[in-house]
Amino acid sequence: MSGHPTHPHDAAPGWSFCPQCATRLETRLLRPGEPTRLACPACDFILFLDPKVAAGCILEIDGRIVLLRRAIPPAVGKWVYPGGYVDRGETVPAAAAREALEEVCLQVEPRSLLGVYSYAGSPIVVVVYVAEVVGGTLAVGDEALEVRTFAPEALPWNDLAFPSTFDALADYLRRVHAMEPPADATDPAPP
């Protein structure tokens, strides 16, 4: 539709045909103010692209925050708290705990919701918990090049992986340590 702003729903890579009747999908504006959607002109099926949910947790060992250096795209080599995608049928807190075990070899229990982070143009919604370590030994796990603990005042602000990493760590410092990120810290650009 001419003049309608682009929106993440406007593009649906991999979807060309209706999953119900195999007719070629077309782009349609269903209601003013909404994004365009892929729809079937034959059976009126509408393809709604849902966001992907990711879960993570911020945890401390001896007053130091656990971060891992990513080994996989996007943001290879950048620092992030343990986290990843929620599997269908899995609870969000269970996904956060599973990711901590997979990535930094720690058994954790999410204790409180820190925040939910979403950004215009991104299909990912990130749910972050404050978690407590209840077992395991800090070590490099799946998808990590390195794991380290950082004093709250020494976080690698200018080498973080994602905007949600920056925002969640900033919120955590404010909530738990009554601190602000340093004035020269820069929020990473989305990958």
N, C-alpha and C. Protein backbone atom coordinates (compact mmCIF):
# COMPACT_ATOMS: atom_id res chain seq x y z
N MET A 1 0.84 -1.18 0.00
CA MET A 1 0.00 0.00 0.00
C MET A 1 0.88 1.24 0.00
N SER A 2 0.68 2.08 -0.95
CA SER A 2 1.46 3.29 -1.07
C SER A 2 1.17 4.23 0.08
N GLY A 3 2.23 4.83 0.63
CA GLY A 3 2.07 5.79 1.70
C GLY A 3 1.95 5.18 3.08
N HIS A 4 1.79 3.87 3.17
CA HIS A 4 1.69 3.23 4.47
C HIS A 4 3.09 2.93 4.98
N PRO A 5 3.40 3.29 6.23
CA PRO A 5 4.76 3.06 6.73
C PRO A 5 5.09 1.57 6.76
N THR A 6 6.36 1.29 6.58
CA THR A 6 6.78 -0.11 6.67
C THR A 6 6.75 -0.54 8.12
N HIS A 7 6.61 -1.79 8.33
CA HIS A 7 6.47 -2.36 9.66
C HIS A 7 7.06 -3.76 9.62
N PRO A 8 7.52 -4.28 10.75
CA PRO A 8 8.09 -5.63 10.74
C PRO A 8 7.15 -6.68 10.15
N HIS A 9 5.85 -6.50 10.28
CA HIS A 9 4.91 -7.48 9.74
C HIS A 9 4.86 -7.42 8.21
N ASP A 10 5.35 -6.33 7.62
CA ASP A 10 5.26 -6.20 6.16
C ASP A 10 6.06 -7.26 5.43
N ALA A 11 7.13 -7.71 6.00
CA ALA A 11 7.98 -8.70 5.35
C ALA A 11 7.77 -10.05 6.03
N ALA A 12 7.59 -11.07 5.22
CA ALA A 12 7.43 -12.42 5.75
C ALA A 12 8.31 -13.36 4.95
N PRO A 13 9.61 -13.35 5.22
CA PRO A 13 10.50 -14.21 4.45
C PRO A 13 10.05 -15.66 4.52
N GLY A 14 10.06 -16.30 3.37
CA GLY A 14 9.70 -17.71 3.32
C GLY A 14 8.22 -17.98 3.13
N TRP A 15 7.38 -16.98 3.22
CA TRP A 15 5.94 -17.18 3.03
C TRP A 15 5.52 -16.58 1.70
N SER A 16 5.12 -17.45 0.78
CA SER A 16 4.63 -17.00 -0.52
C SER A 16 3.24 -17.53 -0.80
N PHE A 17 2.91 -18.68 -0.21
CA PHE A 17 1.65 -19.34 -0.52
C PHE A 17 0.85 -19.61 0.74
N CYS A 18 -0.47 -19.62 0.58
CA CYS A 18 -1.38 -19.86 1.69
C CYS A 18 -1.19 -21.28 2.22
N PRO A 19 -1.02 -21.44 3.55
CA PRO A 19 -0.87 -22.79 4.10
C PRO A 19 -2.17 -23.59 4.10
N GLN A 20 -3.30 -22.93 3.81
CA GLN A 20 -4.58 -23.64 3.78
C GLN A 20 -4.98 -24.09 2.38
N CYS A 21 -4.76 -23.22 1.35
CA CYS A 21 -5.25 -23.57 0.01
C CYS A 21 -4.20 -23.45 -1.08
N ALA A 22 -2.99 -23.03 -0.74
CA ALA A 22 -1.84 -22.93 -1.65
C ALA A 22 -1.94 -21.82 -2.67
N THR A 23 -2.87 -20.90 -2.52
CA THR A 23 -2.94 -19.72 -3.39
C THR A 23 -1.83 -18.76 -2.99
N ARG A 24 -1.28 -18.03 -3.98
CA ARG A 24 -0.23 -17.05 -3.68
C ARG A 24 -0.79 -15.97 -2.75
N LEU A 25 -0.07 -15.71 -1.65
CA LEU A 25 -0.48 -14.67 -0.70
C LEU A 25 -0.22 -13.30 -1.30
N GLU A 26 -1.02 -12.34 -0.87
CA GLU A 26 -0.82 -10.96 -1.29
C GLU A 26 -0.79 -10.06 -0.06
N THR A 27 -0.16 -8.91 -0.22
CA THR A 27 -0.08 -7.94 0.87
C THR A 27 -1.38 -7.15 0.90
N ARG A 28 -1.94 -7.02 2.11
CA ARG A 28 -3.23 -6.35 2.24
C ARG A 28 -3.23 -5.50 3.51
N LEU A 29 -3.81 -4.33 3.43
CA LEU A 29 -4.05 -3.50 4.61
C LEU A 29 -5.46 -3.83 5.09
N LEU A 30 -5.56 -4.47 6.23
CA LEU A 30 -6.86 -4.92 6.72
C LEU A 30 -7.64 -3.80 7.38
N ARG A 31 -6.95 -2.98 8.18
CA ARG A 31 -7.59 -1.85 8.85
C ARG A 31 -6.63 -0.68 8.87
N PRO A 32 -7.13 0.54 8.71
CA PRO A 32 -6.24 1.71 8.79
C PRO A 32 -5.51 1.74 10.13
N GLY A 33 -4.24 2.11 10.07
CA GLY A 33 -3.43 2.22 11.28
C GLY A 33 -2.72 0.93 11.66
N GLU A 34 -3.09 -0.19 11.07
CA GLU A 34 -2.42 -1.46 11.34
C GLU A 34 -1.38 -1.69 10.26
N PRO A 35 -0.43 -2.58 10.53
CA PRO A 35 0.54 -2.92 9.48
C PRO A 35 -0.13 -3.73 8.37
N THR A 36 0.49 -3.72 7.20
CA THR A 36 0.00 -4.61 6.16
C THR A 36 0.30 -6.04 6.57
N ARG A 37 -0.50 -6.95 6.05
CA ARG A 37 -0.34 -8.36 6.38
C ARG A 37 -0.43 -9.18 5.10
N LEU A 38 0.12 -10.38 5.15
CA LEU A 38 -0.04 -11.31 4.04
C LEU A 38 -1.39 -11.99 4.20
N ALA A 39 -2.15 -12.01 3.13
CA ALA A 39 -3.49 -12.60 3.18
C ALA A 39 -3.75 -13.37 1.89
N CYS A 40 -4.64 -14.32 1.98
CA CYS A 40 -4.99 -15.15 0.82
C CYS A 40 -6.23 -14.57 0.15
N PRO A 41 -6.13 -14.27 -1.14
CA PRO A 41 -7.30 -13.74 -1.84
C PRO A 41 -8.37 -14.80 -2.11
N ALA A 42 -8.02 -16.08 -1.99
CA ALA A 42 -8.98 -17.15 -2.29
C ALA A 42 -9.80 -17.56 -1.06
N CYS A 43 -9.12 -17.78 0.08
CA CYS A 43 -9.84 -18.31 1.26
C CYS A 43 -9.86 -17.33 2.43
N ASP A 44 -9.26 -16.17 2.26
CA ASP A 44 -9.22 -15.11 3.28
C ASP A 44 -8.38 -15.44 4.50
N PHE A 45 -7.49 -16.45 4.41
CA PHE A 45 -6.54 -16.72 5.49
C PHE A 45 -5.65 -15.51 5.65
N ILE A 46 -5.36 -15.14 6.89
CA ILE A 46 -4.46 -14.02 7.18
C ILE A 46 -3.26 -14.58 7.94
N LEU A 47 -2.07 -14.23 7.47
CA LEU A 47 -0.85 -14.67 8.13
C LEU A 47 -0.44 -13.61 9.16
N PHE A 48 -0.54 -13.95 10.43
CA PHE A 48 -0.10 -13.06 11.51
C PHE A 48 1.28 -13.53 11.95
N LEU A 49 2.26 -12.68 11.82
CA LEU A 49 3.61 -13.02 12.25
C LEU A 49 3.76 -12.64 13.72
N ASP A 50 3.95 -13.63 14.55
CA ASP A 50 4.05 -13.41 15.99
C ASP A 50 5.49 -13.12 16.37
N PRO A 51 5.70 -12.39 17.47
CA PRO A 51 7.07 -12.16 17.93
C PRO A 51 7.67 -13.44 18.48
N LYS A 52 8.98 -13.44 18.59
CA LYS A 52 9.72 -14.54 19.20
C LYS A 52 10.11 -14.10 20.60
N VAL A 53 9.89 -14.95 21.59
CA VAL A 53 10.19 -14.61 22.97
C VAL A 53 11.55 -15.20 23.36
N ALA A 54 12.38 -14.36 23.96
CA ALA A 54 13.66 -14.79 24.52
C ALA A 54 13.62 -14.56 26.03
N ALA A 55 14.36 -15.38 26.76
CA ALA A 55 14.41 -15.26 28.22
C ALA A 55 15.86 -15.24 28.66
N GLY A 56 16.14 -14.44 29.66
CA GLY A 56 17.49 -14.37 30.19
C GLY A 56 17.46 -14.09 31.67
N CYS A 57 18.63 -14.13 32.27
CA CYS A 57 18.70 -13.82 33.70
C CYS A 57 20.01 -13.15 34.03
N ILE A 58 19.91 -12.27 34.98
CA ILE A 58 21.09 -11.61 35.52
C ILE A 58 21.33 -12.22 36.89
N LEU A 59 22.55 -12.65 37.10
CA LEU A 59 22.89 -13.30 38.36
C LEU A 59 24.26 -12.85 38.82
N GLU A 60 24.47 -13.00 40.09
CA GLU A 60 25.75 -12.61 40.69
C GLU A 60 26.37 -13.78 41.43
N ILE A 61 27.69 -13.79 41.44
CA ILE A 61 28.48 -14.69 42.27
C ILE A 61 29.43 -13.81 43.08
N ASP A 62 29.32 -13.88 44.38
CA ASP A 62 30.16 -13.08 45.27
C ASP A 62 30.13 -11.59 44.91
N GLY A 63 28.94 -11.08 44.63
CA GLY A 63 28.78 -9.65 44.33
C GLY A 63 29.22 -9.24 42.94
N ARG A 64 29.53 -10.20 42.08
CA ARG A 64 29.99 -9.90 40.72
C ARG A 64 28.98 -10.47 39.71
N ILE A 65 28.72 -9.72 38.66
CA ILE A 65 27.71 -10.07 37.66
C ILE A 65 28.31 -11.01 36.62
N VAL A 66 27.58 -12.10 36.33
CA VAL A 66 28.02 -13.12 35.37
C VAL A 66 27.64 -12.69 33.96
N LEU A 67 28.63 -12.65 33.07
CA LEU A 67 28.39 -12.40 31.65
C LEU A 67 29.16 -13.42 30.83
N LEU A 68 28.69 -13.63 29.61
CA LEU A 68 29.38 -14.51 28.68
C LEU A 68 29.65 -13.76 27.39
N ARG A 69 30.74 -14.15 26.74
CA ARG A 69 31.09 -13.58 25.43
C ARG A 69 30.50 -14.53 24.38
N ARG A 70 29.65 -13.99 23.50
CA ARG A 70 28.91 -14.80 22.53
C ARG A 70 29.84 -15.47 21.52
N ALA A 71 29.52 -16.75 21.22
CA ALA A 71 30.28 -17.51 20.23
C ALA A 71 29.51 -17.68 18.93
N ILE A 72 28.24 -17.21 18.90
CA ILE A 72 27.41 -17.40 17.71
C ILE A 72 26.84 -16.06 17.25
N PRO A 73 26.51 -15.97 15.96
CA PRO A 73 25.88 -14.74 15.46
C PRO A 73 24.47 -14.62 16.05
N PRO A 74 23.95 -13.45 16.14
CA PRO A 74 24.63 -12.18 15.90
C PRO A 74 25.48 -11.76 17.10
N ALA A 75 26.27 -10.75 16.92
CA ALA A 75 27.08 -10.14 17.97
C ALA A 75 28.14 -11.09 18.54
N VAL A 76 28.79 -11.85 17.67
CA VAL A 76 29.88 -12.74 18.10
C VAL A 76 30.95 -11.91 18.80
N GLY A 77 31.42 -12.40 19.95
CA GLY A 77 32.47 -11.73 20.69
C GLY A 77 32.00 -10.65 21.63
N LYS A 78 30.71 -10.34 21.63
CA LYS A 78 30.17 -9.32 22.53
C LYS A 78 29.66 -9.97 23.81
N TRP A 79 29.56 -9.18 24.86
CA TRP A 79 29.14 -9.66 26.17
C TRP A 79 27.63 -9.58 26.35
N VAL A 80 27.09 -10.57 27.07
CA VAL A 80 25.65 -10.65 27.32
C VAL A 80 25.41 -11.50 28.57
N TYR A 81 24.29 -11.31 29.23
CA TYR A 81 23.89 -12.20 30.32
C TYR A 81 23.36 -13.50 29.69
N PRO A 82 23.31 -14.61 30.42
CA PRO A 82 22.79 -15.85 29.85
C PRO A 82 21.35 -15.68 29.40
N GLY A 83 21.05 -16.19 28.21
CA GLY A 83 19.69 -16.10 27.71
C GLY A 83 19.55 -16.70 26.33
N GLY A 84 18.32 -16.87 25.91
CA GLY A 84 18.05 -17.40 24.58
C GLY A 84 16.56 -17.57 24.38
N TYR A 85 16.20 -18.21 23.28
CA TYR A 85 14.80 -18.34 22.90
C TYR A 85 14.05 -19.31 23.80
N VAL A 86 12.78 -19.00 24.02
CA VAL A 86 11.87 -19.86 24.76
C VAL A 86 11.31 -20.89 23.78
N ASP A 87 11.36 -22.14 24.15
CA ASP A 87 10.78 -23.20 23.32
C ASP A 87 9.27 -23.24 23.51
N ARG A 88 8.57 -23.62 22.45
CA ARG A 88 7.11 -23.75 22.53
C ARG A 88 6.76 -24.74 23.65
N GLY A 89 5.84 -24.34 24.54
CA GLY A 89 5.42 -25.20 25.65
C GLY A 89 6.27 -25.06 26.90
N GLU A 90 7.35 -24.30 26.82
CA GLU A 90 8.25 -24.10 27.96
C GLU A 90 7.84 -22.81 28.67
N THR A 91 7.91 -22.78 29.99
CA THR A 91 7.63 -21.53 30.67
C THR A 91 8.81 -20.59 30.48
N VAL A 92 8.56 -19.30 30.57
CA VAL A 92 9.62 -18.32 30.38
C VAL A 92 10.69 -18.43 31.48
N PRO A 93 10.31 -18.55 32.77
CA PRO A 93 11.35 -18.73 33.79
C PRO A 93 12.17 -20.01 33.58
N ALA A 94 11.52 -21.09 33.15
CA ALA A 94 12.26 -22.34 32.90
C ALA A 94 13.25 -22.15 31.75
N ALA A 95 12.88 -21.39 30.74
CA ALA A 95 13.80 -21.12 29.63
C ALA A 95 15.00 -20.32 30.11
N ALA A 96 14.77 -19.33 30.96
CA ALA A 96 15.88 -18.54 31.50
C ALA A 96 16.85 -19.43 32.28
N ALA A 97 16.30 -20.33 33.10
CA ALA A 97 17.15 -21.24 33.88
C ALA A 97 17.89 -22.21 32.97
N ARG A 98 17.21 -22.74 31.96
CA ARG A 98 17.85 -23.67 31.02
C ARG A 98 19.00 -22.99 30.30
N GLU A 99 18.79 -21.77 29.85
CA GLU A 99 19.83 -21.04 29.13
C GLU A 99 21.05 -20.79 30.01
N ALA A 100 20.84 -20.48 31.29
CA ALA A 100 21.98 -20.29 32.20
C ALA A 100 22.78 -21.58 32.33
N LEU A 101 22.10 -22.70 32.44
CA LEU A 101 22.79 -23.98 32.55
C LEU A 101 23.56 -24.30 31.26
N GLU A 102 22.93 -24.06 30.11
CA GLU A 102 23.58 -24.35 28.83
C GLU A 102 24.77 -23.44 28.56
N GLU A 103 24.65 -22.17 28.92
CA GLU A 103 25.67 -21.19 28.50
C GLU A 103 26.77 -20.95 29.52
N VAL A 104 26.46 -21.04 30.81
CA VAL A 104 27.48 -20.77 31.82
C VAL A 104 27.57 -21.86 32.88
N CYS A 105 26.88 -22.99 32.64
CA CYS A 105 26.97 -24.19 33.49
C CYS A 105 26.52 -23.97 34.93
N LEU A 106 25.60 -23.03 35.13
CA LEU A 106 25.08 -22.76 36.47
C LEU A 106 23.61 -23.12 36.55
N GLN A 107 23.23 -23.75 37.65
CA GLN A 107 21.82 -23.99 37.94
C GLN A 107 21.33 -22.74 38.67
N VAL A 108 20.25 -22.17 38.16
CA VAL A 108 19.73 -20.94 38.75
C VAL A 108 18.23 -21.06 38.96
N GLU A 109 17.73 -20.23 39.87
CA GLU A 109 16.29 -20.09 40.08
C GLU A 109 15.93 -18.63 39.88
N PRO A 110 15.14 -18.34 38.83
CA PRO A 110 14.67 -16.96 38.66
C PRO A 110 13.86 -16.55 39.88
N ARG A 111 14.21 -15.40 40.45
CA ARG A 111 13.56 -14.93 41.68
C ARG A 111 12.55 -13.81 41.43
N SER A 112 12.87 -12.90 40.51
CA SER A 112 11.95 -11.79 40.25
C SER A 112 12.12 -11.32 38.81
N LEU A 113 11.06 -10.79 38.28
CA LEU A 113 11.09 -10.24 36.93
C LEU A 113 11.80 -8.90 36.96
N LEU A 114 12.85 -8.76 36.17
CA LEU A 114 13.55 -7.49 36.08
C LEU A 114 12.86 -6.58 35.08
N GLY A 115 12.55 -7.11 33.88
CA GLY A 115 11.91 -6.29 32.87
C GLY A 115 11.61 -7.07 31.60
N VAL A 116 10.80 -6.44 30.76
CA VAL A 116 10.47 -6.97 29.44
C VAL A 116 10.91 -5.91 28.45
N TYR A 117 11.70 -6.32 27.45
CA TYR A 117 12.34 -5.38 26.53
C TYR A 117 11.94 -5.72 25.10
N SER A 118 11.43 -4.72 24.41
CA SER A 118 11.10 -4.87 22.99
C SER A 118 11.44 -3.57 22.29
N TYR A 119 11.71 -3.67 20.99
CA TYR A 119 12.20 -2.52 20.24
C TYR A 119 11.52 -2.46 18.88
N ALA A 120 11.19 -1.25 18.45
CA ALA A 120 10.56 -1.07 17.15
C ALA A 120 11.41 -1.71 16.07
N GLY A 121 10.78 -2.45 15.19
CA GLY A 121 11.49 -3.08 14.08
C GLY A 121 12.08 -4.44 14.41
N SER A 122 12.04 -4.86 15.67
CA SER A 122 12.60 -6.15 16.07
C SER A 122 11.47 -7.12 16.39
N PRO A 123 11.54 -8.36 15.90
CA PRO A 123 10.50 -9.33 16.21
C PRO A 123 10.71 -10.05 17.54
N ILE A 124 11.72 -9.65 18.31
CA ILE A 124 12.07 -10.37 19.54
C ILE A 124 11.63 -9.57 20.77
N VAL A 125 10.99 -10.27 21.70
CA VAL A 125 10.62 -9.73 23.00
C VAL A 125 11.50 -10.45 24.02
N VAL A 126 12.26 -9.69 24.81
CA VAL A 126 13.22 -10.27 25.76
C VAL A 126 12.68 -10.09 27.18
N VAL A 127 12.55 -11.20 27.90
CA VAL A 127 12.09 -11.20 29.28
C VAL A 127 13.29 -11.54 30.16
N VAL A 128 13.60 -10.65 31.11
CA VAL A 128 14.81 -10.83 31.92
C VAL A 128 14.44 -10.92 33.40
N TYR A 129 15.03 -11.91 34.05
CA TYR A 129 14.81 -12.16 35.47
C TYR A 129 16.08 -11.88 36.26
N VAL A 130 15.91 -11.58 37.53
CA VAL A 130 17.01 -11.61 38.49
C VAL A 130 16.97 -13.03 39.04
N ALA A 131 18.10 -13.72 38.99
CA ALA A 131 18.13 -15.13 39.39
C ALA A 131 19.18 -15.36 40.47
N GLU A 132 19.00 -16.45 41.18
CA GLU A 132 19.94 -16.87 42.22
C GLU A 132 20.62 -18.16 41.77
N VAL A 133 21.94 -18.22 41.96
CA VAL A 133 22.69 -19.43 41.64
C VAL A 133 22.42 -20.45 42.74
N VAL A 134 22.00 -21.67 42.35
CA VAL A 134 21.71 -22.72 43.33
C VAL A 134 22.56 -23.97 43.11
N GLY A 135 23.41 -23.96 42.08
CA GLY A 135 24.26 -25.11 41.84
C GLY A 135 25.12 -24.92 40.60
N GLY A 136 25.99 -25.88 40.37
CA GLY A 136 26.87 -25.83 39.21
C GLY A 136 28.14 -25.07 39.50
N THR A 137 29.01 -25.04 38.50
CA THR A 137 30.28 -24.32 38.57
C THR A 137 30.40 -23.46 37.33
N LEU A 138 30.69 -22.19 37.51
CA LEU A 138 30.80 -21.28 36.37
C LEU A 138 31.83 -21.80 35.38
N ALA A 139 31.39 -22.00 34.14
CA ALA A 139 32.27 -22.52 33.08
C ALA A 139 31.68 -22.15 31.73
N VAL A 140 32.51 -22.22 30.71
CA VAL A 140 32.07 -21.96 29.34
C VAL A 140 31.16 -23.10 28.91
N GLY A 141 29.96 -22.74 28.46
CA GLY A 141 29.01 -23.73 27.96
C GLY A 141 28.73 -23.48 26.50
N ASP A 142 27.61 -24.02 26.03
CA ASP A 142 27.19 -23.84 24.65
C ASP A 142 27.08 -22.36 24.32
N GLU A 143 27.50 -21.99 23.14
CA GLU A 143 27.33 -20.65 22.58
C GLU A 143 28.14 -19.57 23.28
N ALA A 144 29.15 -19.96 24.06
CA ALA A 144 29.98 -18.97 24.75
C ALA A 144 31.45 -19.17 24.40
N LEU A 145 32.14 -18.07 24.17
CA LEU A 145 33.59 -18.11 23.97
C LEU A 145 34.32 -18.02 25.31
N GLU A 146 33.69 -17.30 26.24
CA GLU A 146 34.32 -17.01 27.52
C GLU A 146 33.22 -16.64 28.50
N VAL A 147 33.41 -16.93 29.77
CA VAL A 147 32.52 -16.45 30.82
C VAL A 147 33.36 -15.76 31.87
N ARG A 148 32.81 -14.69 32.42
CA ARG A 148 33.53 -13.93 33.45
C ARG A 148 32.52 -13.32 34.40
N THR A 149 33.03 -12.91 35.54
CA THR A 149 32.22 -12.12 36.45
C THR A 149 32.82 -10.72 36.49
N PHE A 150 31.94 -9.74 36.61
CA PHE A 150 32.35 -8.33 36.61
C PHE A 150 31.80 -7.64 37.84
N ALA A 151 32.64 -6.82 38.46
CA ALA A 151 32.13 -5.94 39.51
C ALA A 151 31.11 -5.01 38.86
N PRO A 152 30.05 -4.64 39.58
CA PRO A 152 29.03 -3.78 38.98
C PRO A 152 29.58 -2.50 38.36
N GLU A 153 30.63 -1.95 38.95
CA GLU A 153 31.19 -0.70 38.41
C GLU A 153 32.16 -0.95 37.25
N ALA A 154 32.40 -2.21 36.89
CA ALA A 154 33.38 -2.53 35.85
C ALA A 154 32.77 -3.31 34.68
N LEU A 155 31.46 -3.20 34.49
CA LEU A 155 30.82 -3.91 33.37
C LEU A 155 31.35 -3.38 32.03
N PRO A 156 31.45 -4.24 31.02
CA PRO A 156 31.99 -3.83 29.72
C PRO A 156 30.92 -3.12 28.86
N TRP A 157 30.48 -1.95 29.31
CA TRP A 157 29.35 -1.24 28.70
C TRP A 157 29.50 -1.04 27.20
N ASN A 158 30.68 -0.73 26.74
CA ASN A 158 30.86 -0.43 25.32
C ASN A 158 31.16 -1.67 24.48
N ASP A 159 30.98 -2.85 25.08
CA ASP A 159 31.21 -4.10 24.35
C ASP A 159 30.06 -5.09 24.60
N LEU A 160 28.85 -4.55 24.81
CA LEU A 160 27.68 -5.39 25.05
C LEU A 160 27.03 -5.77 23.72
N ALA A 161 26.32 -6.90 23.73
CA ALA A 161 25.78 -7.48 22.51
C ALA A 161 24.57 -6.75 21.94
N PHE A 162 23.60 -6.42 22.76
CA PHE A 162 22.31 -5.96 22.25
C PHE A 162 21.78 -4.79 23.07
N PRO A 163 20.85 -4.03 22.51
CA PRO A 163 20.20 -2.98 23.31
C PRO A 163 19.55 -3.55 24.58
N SER A 164 18.96 -4.75 24.48
CA SER A 164 18.34 -5.34 25.67
C SER A 164 19.38 -5.71 26.73
N THR A 165 20.59 -6.03 26.32
CA THR A 165 21.66 -6.31 27.29
C THR A 165 21.96 -5.03 28.07
N PHE A 166 22.14 -3.95 27.34
CA PHE A 166 22.43 -2.65 27.94
C PHE A 166 21.29 -2.23 28.88
N ASP A 167 20.06 -2.28 28.36
CA ASP A 167 18.91 -1.79 29.14
C ASP A 167 18.67 -2.63 30.39
N ALA A 168 18.77 -3.96 30.27
CA ALA A 168 18.54 -4.82 31.43
C ALA A 168 19.63 -4.63 32.48
N LEU A 169 20.89 -4.55 32.05
CA LEU A 169 21.96 -4.32 33.02
C LEU A 169 21.82 -2.97 33.69
N ALA A 170 21.43 -1.95 32.93
CA ALA A 170 21.22 -0.63 33.53
C ALA A 170 20.08 -0.68 34.56
N ASP A 171 18.98 -1.35 34.20
CA ASP A 171 17.87 -1.50 35.15
C ASP A 171 18.29 -2.28 36.38
N TYR A 172 19.07 -3.33 36.18
CA TYR A 172 19.55 -4.14 37.30
C TYR A 172 20.41 -3.30 38.25
N LEU A 173 21.34 -2.54 37.69
CA LEU A 173 22.20 -1.70 38.53
C LEU A 173 21.37 -0.71 39.34
N ARG A 174 20.39 -0.10 38.68
CA ARG A 174 19.54 0.87 39.39
C ARG A 174 18.76 0.18 40.52
N ARG A 175 18.21 -0.99 40.23
CA ARG A 175 17.33 -1.67 41.18
C ARG A 175 18.10 -2.34 42.32
N VAL A 176 19.20 -2.99 42.01
CA VAL A 176 19.91 -3.80 43.00
C VAL A 176 21.08 -3.05 43.65
N HIS A 177 21.76 -2.21 42.88
CA HIS A 177 22.97 -1.56 43.39
C HIS A 177 22.84 -0.05 43.52
N ALA A 178 21.68 0.52 43.20
CA ALA A 178 21.47 1.97 43.25
C ALA A 178 22.57 2.72 42.50
N MET A 179 22.90 2.21 41.30
CA MET A 179 23.95 2.80 40.47
C MET A 179 23.39 3.11 39.08
N GLU A 180 24.05 4.01 38.40
CA GLU A 180 23.75 4.31 37.00
C GLU A 180 24.91 3.82 36.14
N PRO A 181 24.64 3.48 34.87
CA PRO A 181 25.76 3.19 33.97
C PRO A 181 26.65 4.42 33.85
N PRO A 182 27.93 4.24 33.52
CA PRO A 182 28.79 5.40 33.35
C PRO A 182 28.29 6.32 32.23
N ALA A 183 28.57 7.59 32.36
CA ALA A 183 28.10 8.59 31.38
C ALA A 183 28.60 8.30 29.98
N ASP A 184 29.77 7.68 29.84
CA ASP A 184 30.30 7.43 28.51
C ASP A 184 29.89 6.07 27.93
N ALA A 185 29.01 5.34 28.63
CA ALA A 185 28.54 4.04 28.13
C ALA A 185 27.63 4.26 26.94
N THR A 186 27.82 3.44 25.90
CA THR A 186 27.00 3.58 24.70
C THR A 186 26.13 2.34 24.53
N ASP A 187 24.87 2.60 24.20
CA ASP A 187 23.91 1.54 23.94
C ASP A 187 24.25 0.92 22.59
N PRO A 188 24.41 -0.42 22.52
CA PRO A 188 24.76 -1.04 21.24
C PRO A 188 23.66 -0.90 20.22
N ALA A 189 24.05 -0.82 18.97
CA ALA A 189 23.07 -0.80 17.88
C ALA A 189 22.53 -2.20 17.68
N PRO A 190 21.27 -2.32 17.27
CA PRO A 190 20.75 -3.66 17.00
C PRO A 190 21.54 -4.32 15.88
N PRO A 191 21.71 -5.66 15.95
CA PRO A 191 22.46 -6.36 14.90
C PRO A 191 21.74 -6.33 13.56
